[in-house]
Amino acid sequence: MKTSNNLLVSCEEAKFICDKNQYGEASIMDLIKLNIRLMYCTVTRAYSKRNNKLTKAIKKSKLQIIEPSKKEQMKEQLRKELAE
């Protein structure tokens, strides 16, 4: 839900922009809108703060992912074992 002013966004839209920013997908205009919202909305500020902590924790953890082909092999093996 957008407000009438293009620079003022709803709390939900600000959270969405915050999520996009976490993944490096937010545009300059998105960041301007988010920063305006952060100036006056404590809920959005708290959400943004939690998002930043999560991002830092994930980067710091040095998580390793399973290759998609290996993941599919594991799924197939699990399906076979469950079918038996």
PDB file of N, CA and C in Angstrom:
ATOM      1  N   MET A   1       0.843  -1.181   0.000  1.00  0.00           N
ATOM      2  CA  MET A   1       0.000   0.000   0.000  1.00  0.00           C
ATOM      3  C   MET A   1       0.884   1.239   0.000  1.00  0.00           C
ATOM      4  N   LYS A   2       0.797   2.039  -1.033  1.00  0.00           N
ATOM      5  CA  LYS A   2       1.589   3.250  -1.147  1.00  0.00           C
ATOM      6  C   LYS A   2       0.804   4.440  -0.633  1.00  0.00           C
ATOM      7  N   THR A   3       1.529   5.395  -0.097  1.00  0.00           N
ATOM      8  CA  THR A   3       0.892   6.647   0.273  1.00  0.00           C
ATOM      9  C   THR A   3       0.879   7.545  -0.955  1.00  0.00           C
ATOM     10  N   SER A   4       0.235   8.709  -0.838  1.00  0.00           N
ATOM     11  CA  SER A   4       0.097   9.582  -2.002  1.00  0.00           C
ATOM     12  C   SER A   4       1.431  10.189  -2.440  1.00  0.00           C
ATOM     13  N   ASN A   5       2.350  10.407  -1.511  1.00  0.00           N
ATOM     14  CA  ASN A   5       3.661  10.965  -1.849  1.00  0.00           C
ATOM     15  C   ASN A   5       4.594   9.831  -2.250  1.00  0.00           C
ATOM     16  N   ASN A   6       5.304   9.991  -3.361  1.00  0.00           N
ATOM     17  CA  ASN A   6       6.166   8.929  -3.870  1.00  0.00           C
ATOM     18  C   ASN A   6       7.351   8.616  -2.968  1.00  0.00           C
ATOM     19  N   LEU A   7       7.769   9.568  -2.134  1.00  0.00           N
ATOM     20  CA  LEU A   7       8.911   9.333  -1.256  1.00  0.00           C
ATOM     21  C   LEU A   7       8.510   8.720   0.077  1.00  0.00           C
ATOM     22  N   LEU A   8       7.234   8.786   0.400  1.00  0.00           N
ATOM     23  CA  LEU A   8       6.759   8.195   1.649  1.00  0.00           C
ATOM     24  C   LEU A   8       6.178   6.820   1.351  1.00  0.00           C
ATOM     25  N   VAL A   9       6.721   5.816   1.999  1.00  0.00           N
ATOM     26  CA  VAL A   9       6.268   4.447   1.773  1.00  0.00           C
ATOM     27  C   VAL A   9       5.662   3.895   3.058  1.00  0.00           C
ATOM     28  N   SER A  10       4.849   2.880   2.913  1.00  0.00           N
ATOM     29  CA  SER A  10       4.255   2.221   4.072  1.00  0.00           C
ATOM     30  C   SER A  10       5.324   1.424   4.810  1.00  0.00           C
ATOM     31  N   CYS A  11       5.000   1.031   5.996  1.00  0.00           N
ATOM     32  CA  CYS A  11       5.934   0.238   6.800  1.00  0.00           C
ATOM     33  C   CYS A  11       6.251  -1.080   6.084  1.00  0.00           C
ATOM     34  N   GLU A  12       5.244  -1.711   5.521  1.00  0.00           N
ATOM     35  CA  GLU A  12       5.448  -2.974   4.816  1.00  0.00           C
ATOM     36  C   GLU A  12       6.361  -2.803   3.599  1.00  0.00           C
ATOM     37  N   GLU A  13       6.151  -1.731   2.861  1.00  0.00           N
ATOM     38  CA  GLU A  13       6.996  -1.481   1.693  1.00  0.00           C
ATOM     39  C   GLU A  13       8.433  -1.179   2.133  1.00  0.00           C
ATOM     40  N   ALA A  14       8.580  -0.468   3.239  1.00  0.00           N
ATOM     41  CA  ALA A  14       9.917  -0.168   3.764  1.00  0.00           C
ATOM     42  C   ALA A  14      10.627  -1.454   4.176  1.00  0.00           C
ATOM     43  N   LYS A  15       9.896  -2.384   4.764  1.00  0.00           N
ATOM     44  CA  LYS A  15      10.485  -3.676   5.149  1.00  0.00           C
ATOM     45  C   LYS A  15      10.943  -4.437   3.905  1.00  0.00           C
ATOM     46  N   PHE A  16      10.139  -4.370   2.846  1.00  0.00           N
ATOM     47  CA  PHE A  16      10.494  -5.033   1.593  1.00  0.00           C
ATOM     48  C   PHE A  16      11.769  -4.422   1.016  1.00  0.00           C
ATOM     49  N   ILE A  17      11.855  -3.087   1.039  1.00  0.00           N
ATOM     50  CA  ILE A  17      13.053  -2.408   0.548  1.00  0.00           C
ATOM     51  C   ILE A  17      14.253  -2.792   1.410  1.00  0.00           C
ATOM     52  N   CYS A  18      14.040  -2.890   2.711  1.00  0.00           N
ATOM     53  CA  CYS A  18      15.108  -3.287   3.627  1.00  0.00           C
ATOM     54  C   CYS A  18      15.627  -4.678   3.258  1.00  0.00           C
ATOM     55  N   ASP A  19      14.718  -5.591   2.956  1.00  0.00           N
ATOM     56  CA  ASP A  19      15.109  -6.938   2.542  1.00  0.00           C
ATOM     57  C   ASP A  19      15.882  -6.905   1.220  1.00  0.00           C
ATOM     58  N   LYS A  20      15.397  -6.098   0.263  1.00  0.00           N
ATOM     59  CA  LYS A  20      16.101  -5.971  -1.009  1.00  0.00           C
ATOM     60  C   LYS A  20      17.505  -5.428  -0.787  1.00  0.00           C
ATOM     61  N   ASN A  21      17.623  -4.460   0.110  1.00  0.00           N
ATOM     62  CA  ASN A  21      18.923  -3.867   0.402  1.00  0.00           C
ATOM     63  C   ASN A  21      19.872  -4.900   0.998  1.00  0.00           C
ATOM     64  N   GLN A  22      19.350  -5.793   1.813  1.00  0.00           N
ATOM     65  CA  GLN A  22      20.161  -6.837   2.431  1.00  0.00           C
ATOM     66  C   GLN A  22      20.831  -7.702   1.369  1.00  0.00           C
ATOM     67  N   TYR A  23      20.163  -7.907   0.242  1.00  0.00           N
ATOM     68  CA  TYR A  23      20.699  -8.736  -0.829  1.00  0.00           C
ATOM     69  C   TYR A  23      21.333  -7.913  -1.946  1.00  0.00           C
ATOM     70  N   GLY A  24      21.490  -6.608  -1.718  1.00  0.00           N
ATOM     71  CA  GLY A  24      22.128  -5.741  -2.695  1.00  0.00           C
ATOM     72  C   GLY A  24      21.280  -5.462  -3.917  1.00  0.00           C
ATOM     73  N   GLU A  25      19.951  -5.554  -3.786  1.00  0.00           N
ATOM     74  CA  GLU A  25      19.058  -5.383  -4.928  1.00  0.00           C
ATOM     75  C   GLU A  25      18.263  -4.079  -4.883  1.00  0.00           C
ATOM     76  N   ALA A  26      18.490  -3.242  -3.877  1.00  0.00           N
ATOM     77  CA  ALA A  26      17.730  -1.996  -3.743  1.00  0.00           C
ATOM     78  C   ALA A  26      18.333  -0.911  -4.629  1.00  0.00           C
ATOM     79  N   SER A  27      17.468  -0.173  -5.295  1.00  0.00           N
ATOM     80  CA  SER A  27      17.921   0.941  -6.136  1.00  0.00           C
ATOM     81  C   SER A  27      18.206   2.162  -5.255  1.00  0.00           C
ATOM     82  N   ILE A  28      18.794   3.172  -5.861  1.00  0.00           N
ATOM     83  CA  ILE A  28      19.072   4.428  -5.144  1.00  0.00           C
ATOM     84  C   ILE A  28      17.759   5.025  -4.630  1.00  0.00           C
ATOM     85  N   MET A  29      16.724   5.022  -5.470  1.00  0.00           N
ATOM     86  CA  MET A  29      15.431   5.579  -5.056  1.00  0.00           C
ATOM     87  C   MET A  29      14.849   4.777  -3.901  1.00  0.00           C
ATOM     88  N   ASP A  30      15.001   3.447  -3.944  1.00  0.00           N
ATOM     89  CA  ASP A  30      14.540   2.607  -2.835  1.00  0.00           C
ATOM     90  C   ASP A  30      15.240   3.009  -1.539  1.00  0.00           C
ATOM     91  N   LEU A  31      16.542   3.224  -1.614  1.00  0.00           N
ATOM     92  CA  LEU A  31      17.315   3.580  -0.423  1.00  0.00           C
ATOM     93  C   LEU A  31      16.919   4.949   0.116  1.00  0.00           C
ATOM     94  N   ILE A  32      16.608   5.879  -0.769  1.00  0.00           N
ATOM     95  CA  ILE A  32      16.141   7.203  -0.332  1.00  0.00           C
ATOM     96  C   ILE A  32      14.825   7.051   0.418  1.00  0.00           C
ATOM     97  N   LYS A  33      13.899   6.281  -0.169  1.00  0.00           N
ATOM     98  CA  LYS A  33      12.602   6.056   0.480  1.00  0.00           C
ATOM     99  C   LYS A  33      12.770   5.376   1.832  1.00  0.00           C
ATOM    100  N   LEU A  34      13.651   4.391   1.887  1.00  0.00           N
ATOM    101  CA  LEU A  34      13.890   3.673   3.136  1.00  0.00           C
ATOM    102  C   LEU A  34      14.463   4.606   4.192  1.00  0.00           C
ATOM    103  N   ASN A  35      15.438   5.426   3.807  1.00  0.00           N
ATOM    104  CA  ASN A  35      16.050   6.340   4.767  1.00  0.00           C
ATOM    105  C   ASN A  35      15.074   7.382   5.286  1.00  0.00           C
ATOM    106  N   ILE A  36      14.178   7.846   4.435  1.00  0.00           N
ATOM    107  CA  ILE A  36      13.147   8.781   4.897  1.00  0.00           C
ATOM    108  C   ILE A  36      12.263   8.079   5.929  1.00  0.00           C
ATOM    109  N   ARG A  37      11.867   6.856   5.637  1.00  0.00           N
ATOM    110  CA  ARG A  37      11.011   6.102   6.561  1.00  0.00           C
ATOM    111  C   ARG A  37      11.743   5.840   7.882  1.00  0.00           C
ATOM    112  N   LEU A  38      13.025   5.534   7.803  1.00  0.00           N
ATOM    113  CA  LEU A  38      13.807   5.244   9.005  1.00  0.00           C
ATOM    114  C   LEU A  38      13.888   6.448   9.942  1.00  0.00           C
ATOM    115  N   MET A  39      13.782   7.655   9.392  1.00  0.00           N
ATOM    116  CA  MET A  39      13.869   8.865  10.217  1.00  0.00           C
ATOM    117  C   MET A  39      12.718   8.979  11.208  1.00  0.00           C
ATOM    118  N   TYR A  40      11.538   8.473  10.849  1.00  0.00           N
ATOM    119  CA  TYR A  40      10.388   8.694  11.720  1.00  0.00           C
ATOM    120  C   TYR A  40       9.669   7.423  12.180  1.00  0.00           C
ATOM    121  N   CYS A  41      10.082   6.263  11.734  1.00  0.00           N
ATOM    122  CA  CYS A  41       9.354   5.037  12.076  1.00  0.00           C
ATOM    123  C   CYS A  41      10.213   4.108  12.938  1.00  0.00           C
ATOM    124  N   THR A  42       9.831   3.950  14.195  1.00  0.00           N
ATOM    125  CA  THR A  42      10.602   3.089  15.101  1.00  0.00           C
ATOM    126  C   THR A  42      10.478   1.616  14.723  1.00  0.00           C
ATOM    127  N   VAL A  43       9.348   1.229  14.175  1.00  0.00           N
ATOM    128  CA  VAL A  43       9.147  -0.168  13.778  1.00  0.00           C
ATOM    129  C   VAL A  43      10.093  -0.530  12.633  1.00  0.00           C
ATOM    130  N   THR A  44      10.179   0.342  11.631  1.00  0.00           N
ATOM    131  CA  THR A  44      11.067   0.099  10.501  1.00  0.00           C
ATOM    132  C   THR A  44      12.531   0.136  10.941  1.00  0.00           C
ATOM    133  N   ARG A  45      12.862   1.059  11.853  1.00  0.00           N
ATOM    134  CA  ARG A  45      14.242   1.110  12.362  1.00  0.00           C
ATOM    135  C   ARG A  45      14.607  -0.183  13.070  1.00  0.00           C
ATOM    136  N   ALA A  46      13.692  -0.715  13.882  1.00  0.00           N
ATOM    137  CA  ALA A  46      13.963  -1.974  14.588  1.00  0.00           C
ATOM    138  C   ALA A  46      14.122  -3.122  13.596  1.00  0.00           C
ATOM    139  N   TYR A  47      13.272  -3.167  12.568  1.00  0.00           N
ATOM    140  CA  TYR A  47      13.354  -4.211  11.548  1.00  0.00           C
ATOM    141  C   TYR A  47      14.687  -4.123  10.811  1.00  0.00           C
ATOM    142  N   SER A  48      15.083  -2.906  10.446  1.00  0.00           N
ATOM    143  CA  SER A  48      16.333  -2.691   9.737  1.00  0.00           C
ATOM    144  C   SER A  48      17.525  -3.102  10.603  1.00  0.00           C
ATOM    145  N   LYS A  49      17.464  -2.785  11.863  1.00  0.00           N
ATOM    146  CA  LYS A  49      18.547  -3.141  12.780  1.00  0.00           C
ATOM    147  C   LYS A  49      18.690  -4.660  12.877  1.00  0.00           C
ATOM    148  N   ARG A  50      17.558  -5.368  12.987  1.00  0.00           N
ATOM    149  CA  ARG A  50      17.593  -6.836  13.042  1.00  0.00           C
ATOM    150  C   ARG A  50      18.123  -7.412  11.730  1.00  0.00           C
ATOM    151  N   ASN A  51      17.721  -6.825  10.608  1.00  0.00           N
ATOM    152  CA  ASN A  51      18.206  -7.288   9.307  1.00  0.00           C
ATOM    153  C   ASN A  51      19.718  -7.132   9.195  1.00  0.00           C
ATOM    154  N   ASN A  52      20.218  -5.999   9.653  1.00  0.00           N
ATOM    155  CA  ASN A  52      21.664  -5.754   9.605  1.00  0.00           C
ATOM    156  C   ASN A  52      22.420  -6.754  10.472  1.00  0.00           C
ATOM    157  N   LYS A  53      21.890  -7.043  11.650  1.00  0.00           N
ATOM    158  CA  LYS A  53      22.530  -8.028  12.531  1.00  0.00           C
ATOM    159  C   LYS A  53      22.544  -9.403  11.868  1.00  0.00           C
ATOM    160  N   LEU A  54      21.439  -9.770  11.249  1.00  0.00           N
ATOM    161  CA  LEU A  54      21.348 -11.058  10.564  1.00  0.00           C
ATOM    162  C   LEU A  54      22.354 -11.143   9.421  1.00  0.00           C
ATOM    163  N   THR A  55      22.432 -10.098   8.627  1.00  0.00           N
ATOM    164  CA  THR A  55      23.373 -10.074   7.504  1.00  0.00           C
ATOM    165  C   THR A  55      24.809 -10.235   7.994  1.00  0.00           C
ATOM    166  N   LYS A  56      25.172  -9.487   9.035  1.00  0.00           N
ATOM    167  CA  LYS A  56      26.524  -9.583   9.592  1.00  0.00           C
ATOM    168  C   LYS A  56      26.802 -10.971  10.146  1.00  0.00           C
ATOM    169  N   ALA A  57      25.822 -11.561  10.819  1.00  0.00           N
ATOM    170  CA  ALA A  57      26.001 -12.903  11.393  1.00  0.00           C
ATOM    171  C   ALA A  57      26.208 -13.942  10.302  1.00  0.00           C
ATOM    172  N   ILE A  58      25.456 -13.829   9.222  1.00  0.00           N
ATOM    173  CA  ILE A  58      25.584 -14.784   8.119  1.00  0.00           C
ATOM    174  C   ILE A  58      26.948 -14.643   7.447  1.00  0.00           C
ATOM    175  N   LYS A  59      27.382 -13.409   7.216  1.00  0.00           N
ATOM    176  CA  LYS A  59      28.692 -13.197   6.587  1.00  0.00           C
ATOM    177  C   LYS A  59      29.814 -13.699   7.495  1.00  0.00           C
ATOM    178  N   LYS A  60      29.667 -13.475   8.780  1.00  0.00           N
ATOM    179  CA  LYS A  60      30.693 -13.873   9.735  1.00  0.00           C
ATOM    180  C   LYS A  60      30.763 -15.388   9.898  1.00  0.00           C
ATOM    181  N   SER A  61      29.647 -16.078   9.708  1.00  0.00           N
ATOM    182  CA  SER A  61      29.588 -17.521   9.938  1.00  0.00           C
ATOM    183  C   SER A  61      30.313 -18.339   8.878  1.00  0.00           C
ATOM    184  N   LYS A  62      30.582 -17.746   7.720  1.00  0.00           N
ATOM    185  CA  LYS A  62      31.257 -18.434   6.616  1.00  0.00           C
ATOM    186  C   LYS A  62      30.547 -19.747   6.257  1.00  0.00           C
ATOM    187  N   LEU A  63      29.238 -19.638   6.095  1.00  0.00           N
ATOM    188  CA  LEU A  63      28.439 -20.798   5.730  1.00  0.00           C
ATOM    189  C   LEU A  63      28.870 -21.359   4.383  1.00  0.00           C
ATOM    190  N   GLN A  64      28.775 -22.664   4.267  1.00  0.00           N
ATOM    191  CA  GLN A  64      29.052 -23.322   2.999  1.00  0.00           C
ATOM    192  C   GLN A  64      27.757 -23.945   2.517  1.00  0.00           C
ATOM    193  N   ILE A  65      27.528 -23.862   1.216  1.00  0.00           N
ATOM    194  CA  ILE A  65      26.300 -24.413   0.664  1.00  0.00           C
ATOM    195  C   ILE A  65      26.590 -25.710  -0.077  1.00  0.00           C
ATOM    196  N   ILE A  66      25.538 -26.507  -0.203  1.00  0.00           N
ATOM    197  CA  ILE A  66      25.643 -27.763  -0.945  1.00  0.00           C
ATOM    198  C   ILE A  66      25.396 -27.456  -2.418  1.00  0.00           C
ATOM    199  N   GLU A  67      26.197 -28.034  -3.275  1.00  0.00           N
ATOM    200  CA  GLU A  67      26.014 -27.846  -4.713  1.00  0.00           C
ATOM    201  C   GLU A  67      24.645 -28.386  -5.116  1.00  0.00           C
ATOM    202  N   PRO A  68      23.966 -27.710  -6.054  1.00  0.00           N
ATOM    203  CA  PRO A  68      22.629 -28.148  -6.474  1.00  0.00           C
ATOM    204  C   PRO A  68      22.574 -29.606  -6.929  1.00  0.00           C
ATOM    205  N   SER A  69      23.585 -30.079  -7.641  1.00  0.00           N
ATOM    206  CA  SER A  69      23.575 -31.473  -8.109  1.00  0.00           C
ATOM    207  C   SER A  69      23.664 -32.442  -6.928  1.00  0.00           C
ATOM    208  N   LYS A  70      24.486 -32.117  -5.947  1.00  0.00           N
ATOM    209  CA  LYS A  70      24.616 -32.959  -4.748  1.00  0.00           C
ATOM    210  C   LYS A  70      23.318 -32.938  -3.948  1.00  0.00           C
ATOM    211  N   LYS A  71      22.686 -31.780  -3.889  1.00  0.00           N
ATOM    212  CA  LYS A  71      21.410 -31.639  -3.183  1.00  0.00           C
ATOM    213  C   LYS A  71      20.343 -32.528  -3.830  1.00  0.00           C
ATOM    214  N   GLU A  72      20.298 -32.536  -5.160  1.00  0.00           N
ATOM    215  CA  GLU A  72      19.342 -33.380  -5.880  1.00  0.00           C
ATOM    216  C   GLU A  72      19.614 -34.858  -5.623  1.00  0.00           C
ATOM    217  N   GLN A  73      20.899 -35.238  -5.588  1.00  0.00           N
ATOM    218  CA  GLN A  73      21.263 -36.621  -5.285  1.00  0.00           C
ATOM    219  C   GLN A  73      20.747 -37.016  -3.903  1.00  0.00           C
ATOM    220  N   MET A  74      20.932 -36.132  -2.952  1.00  0.00           N
ATOM    221  CA  MET A  74      20.484 -36.407  -1.585  1.00  0.00           C
ATOM    222  C   MET A  74      18.961 -36.538  -1.525  1.00  0.00           C
ATOM    223  N   LYS A  75      18.243 -35.667  -2.238  1.00  0.00           N
ATOM    224  CA  LYS A  75      16.786 -35.742  -2.283  1.00  0.00           C
ATOM    225  C   LYS A  75      16.329 -37.065  -2.885  1.00  0.00           C
ATOM    226  N   GLU A  76      16.964 -37.453  -3.988  1.00  0.00           N
ATOM    227  CA  GLU A  76      16.596 -38.701  -4.665  1.00  0.00           C
ATOM    228  C   GLU A  76      16.855 -39.890  -3.758  1.00  0.00           C
ATOM    229  N   GLN A  77      17.983 -39.891  -3.072  1.00  0.00           N
ATOM    230  CA  GLN A  77      18.293 -40.970  -2.166  1.00  0.00           C
ATOM    231  C   GLN A  77      17.277 -41.039  -1.024  1.00  0.00           C
ATOM    232  N   LEU A  78      16.882 -39.903  -0.520  1.00  0.00           N
ATOM    233  CA  LEU A  78      15.881 -39.851   0.545  1.00  0.00           C
ATOM    234  C   LEU A  78      14.533 -40.366   0.052  1.00  0.00           C
ATOM    235  N   ARG A  79      14.142 -39.970  -1.171  1.00  0.00           N
ATOM    236  CA  ARG A  79      12.884 -40.464  -1.750  1.00  0.00           C
ATOM    237  C   ARG A  79      12.896 -41.992  -1.864  1.00  0.00           C
ATOM    238  N   LYS A  80      14.031 -42.547  -2.333  1.00  0.00           N
ATOM    239  CA  LYS A  80      14.139 -43.998  -2.483  1.00  0.00           C
ATOM    240  C   LYS A  80      14.026 -44.692  -1.123  1.00  0.00           C
ATOM    241  N   GLU A  81      14.713 -44.153  -0.136  1.00  0.00           N
ATOM    242  CA  GLU A  81      14.679 -44.756   1.187  1.00  0.00           C
ATOM    243  C   GLU A  81      13.293 -44.676   1.807  1.00  0.00           C
ATOM    244  N   LEU A  82      12.572 -43.595   1.560  1.00  0.00           N
ATOM    245  CA  LEU A  82      11.225 -43.445   2.094  1.00  0.00           C
ATOM    246  C   LEU A  82      10.234 -44.362   1.380  1.00  0.00           C
ATOM    247  N   ALA A  83      10.502 -44.658   0.111  1.00  0.00           N
ATOM    248  CA  ALA A  83       9.607 -45.517  -0.678  1.00  0.00           C
ATOM    249  C   ALA A  83       9.739 -46.978  -0.263  1.00  0.00           C
ATOM    250  N   GLU A  84      10.854 -47.362   0.307  1.00  0.00           N
ATOM    251  CA  GLU A  84      11.096 -48.771   0.689  1.00  0.00           C
ATOM    252  C   GLU A  84      10.291 -49.162   1.897  1.00  0.00           C
TER     253      GLU A  84
END
